[in-house]
Protein backbone atom coordinates (compact mmCIF):
# COMPACT_ATOMS: atom_id res chain seq x y z
CA MET A 1 -20.36 -7.40 -7.87
CA CYS A 2 -20.16 -6.34 -4.33
CA PHE A 3 -17.10 -5.68 -2.21
CA LYS A 4 -16.90 -4.66 1.43
CA VAL A 5 -14.00 -3.85 3.77
CA ASN A 6 -13.45 -2.99 7.42
CA ASN A 7 -13.86 0.57 8.43
CA ASP A 8 -9.98 1.00 8.91
CA LEU A 9 -9.58 0.31 5.17
CA LYS A 10 -10.34 2.28 2.15
CA LEU A 11 -11.86 0.56 -1.12
CA VAL A 12 -11.03 2.11 -4.33
CA GLY A 13 -12.17 1.01 -7.83
CA TYR A 14 -11.38 2.05 -11.32
CA ALA A 15 -12.95 1.04 -14.70
CA HIS A 16 -11.23 1.59 -17.92
CA PRO A 17 -12.19 3.49 -19.96
CA ALA A 18 -13.30 5.88 -17.31
CA PRO A 19 -16.66 7.52 -17.81
CA THR A 20 -16.59 10.72 -19.48
CA ASN A 21 -20.06 12.18 -18.04
CA VAL A 22 -18.53 12.75 -14.71
CA GLY A 23 -18.85 16.40 -13.51
CA THR A 24 -15.76 18.60 -12.87
CA THR A 25 -14.89 20.08 -9.65
CA GLU A 26 -13.48 23.59 -9.23
CA GLY A 27 -10.94 23.73 -6.29
CA ILE A 28 -8.96 20.80 -5.12
CA THR A 29 -9.35 19.37 -1.69
CA GLN A 30 -7.13 16.95 0.27
CA LYS A 31 -9.89 14.24 -0.08
CA LEU A 32 -9.84 14.75 -4.00
CA LEU A 33 -6.04 14.53 -4.00
CA ASP A 34 -6.23 11.36 -2.03
CA PHE A 35 -8.87 9.92 -4.51
CA GLU A 36 -6.81 11.01 -7.68
CA PHE A 37 -3.78 9.25 -5.93
CA HIS A 38 -5.75 6.08 -5.29
CA LYS A 39 -7.19 6.09 -8.85
CA SER A 40 -3.73 6.47 -10.15
CA ILE A 41 -2.77 3.02 -8.22
CA CYS A 42 -5.93 1.43 -9.68
CA GLN A 43 -4.84 2.57 -13.16
CA GLN A 44 -1.29 1.17 -12.67
CA ILE A 45 -2.93 -2.26 -11.77
CA VAL A 46 -5.31 -2.01 -14.84
CA GLY A 47 -2.55 -1.04 -17.24
CA MET A 48 0.54 -2.88 -16.14
CA LYS A 49 -1.03 -6.18 -14.89
CA PRO A 50 0.88 -7.17 -11.89
CA VAL A 51 0.78 -10.56 -10.63
CA LYS A 52 1.11 -9.69 -7.14
CA ILE A 53 1.54 -6.72 -4.48
CA GLY A 54 5.01 -7.84 -3.52
CA GLU A 55 7.09 -7.74 -0.18
CA TYR A 56 10.11 -5.52 0.11
CA ASP A 57 12.11 -7.94 2.10
CA LYS A 58 11.39 -10.91 -0.13
CA ASP A 59 10.76 -9.89 -3.73
CA LYS A 60 13.72 -8.40 -5.75
CA PRO A 61 12.99 -6.18 -8.96
CA ALA A 62 13.04 -7.83 -12.05
CA GLU A 63 16.38 -7.09 -14.27
CA ASN A 64 14.23 -5.72 -16.98
CA LYS A 65 11.81 -3.08 -15.70
CA ASP A 66 9.55 -3.75 -18.46
CA ASP A 67 9.18 -7.35 -17.23
CA GLU A 68 8.27 -6.52 -13.82
CA THR A 69 5.13 -8.37 -12.31
CA CYS A 70 5.55 -7.23 -8.74
CA LEU A 71 3.36 -3.96 -8.32
CA ILE A 72 5.75 -2.48 -5.66
CA HIS A 73 8.76 -2.58 -8.17
CA GLN A 74 6.81 -1.59 -11.35
CA GLU A 75 7.84 2.04 -12.89
CA TYR A 76 4.92 4.40 -11.62
CA LEU A 77 3.15 5.32 -14.76
CA LEU A 78 2.60 9.05 -13.63
CA ASP A 79 6.40 9.44 -12.71
CA ALA A 80 8.91 7.16 -14.45
CA ASP A 81 11.58 8.25 -12.18
CA LYS A 82 9.68 6.41 -9.10
CA THR A 83 8.61 2.92 -8.47
CA VAL A 84 4.96 2.21 -7.19
CA GLY A 85 6.63 1.29 -3.86
CA GLU A 86 8.23 4.58 -3.50
CA VAL A 87 4.93 6.41 -4.24
CA LEU A 88 2.90 4.37 -1.91
CA GLN A 89 5.48 5.15 0.99
CA GLU A 90 5.37 8.83 0.05
CA HIS A 91 1.52 8.80 0.61
CA SER A 92 1.91 6.63 3.61
CA CYS A 93 -0.37 4.15 1.63
CA GLU A 94 -0.24 0.11 1.83
CA ILE A 95 -1.99 -1.96 -0.72
CA VAL A 96 -3.67 -4.87 1.28
CA ASP A 97 -5.12 -6.60 -1.73
CA TYR A 98 -6.56 -6.28 -5.09
CA HIS A 99 -8.47 -7.80 -7.80
CA ARG A 100 -8.23 -7.16 -11.61
CA PHE A 101 -10.90 -8.20 -13.95
CA GLU A 102 -11.07 -8.01 -17.63
CA CYS A 103 -14.20 -8.05 -19.91
CA GLY A 104 -15.16 -11.60 -20.80
CA GLU A 105 -12.79 -13.13 -18.28
CA GLN A 106 -13.65 -16.53 -17.09
CA THR A 107 -13.69 -17.02 -13.35
CA GLU A 108 -12.72 -19.99 -11.45
CA ARG A 109 -16.23 -20.09 -9.79
CA SER A 110 -19.80 -19.28 -11.23
CA LEU A 111 -21.52 -16.01 -9.98
CA GLU A 112 -24.12 -18.07 -8.45
CA ALA A 113 -21.41 -20.05 -6.25
CA ILE A 114 -19.87 -16.83 -5.38
CA ILE A 115 -23.01 -15.42 -4.01
CA ARG A 116 -24.08 -18.71 -2.30
CA SER A 117 -20.63 -18.46 -0.54
CA GLN A 118 -21.13 -15.08 0.67
CA HIS A 119 -24.52 -15.64 1.89
CA GLN A 120 -23.31 -18.76 3.85
CA SER A 121 -20.40 -16.74 5.55
CA SER A 122 -22.84 -13.90 6.38
CA ASN A 123 -25.15 -16.26 8.27
């Protein structure tokens, strides 16, 4: 699978369980902190299965926070006192789109159809 974004966007991915053979880093740089934050948002999407990102002016939080399906209104997994929307604003970060896949999940189109579509759009 291949994803591509414009230069003004950042593409971040996460697989669960995370690989254990990744080396450790001594000292933390801003780039690493950004990566850890972006990874935490991916973990949120994997773990909490939001249905959509949500819009602040249109989507209202669910009455029961455990039933929340809108990403921006979900309780942030790493700090239950905040919502995902609040931590996104704190980091000046906006989620433009996301795709969540599960092992064995059936897609609407076959892999061949997706590749054919990508090939045609690049010509």
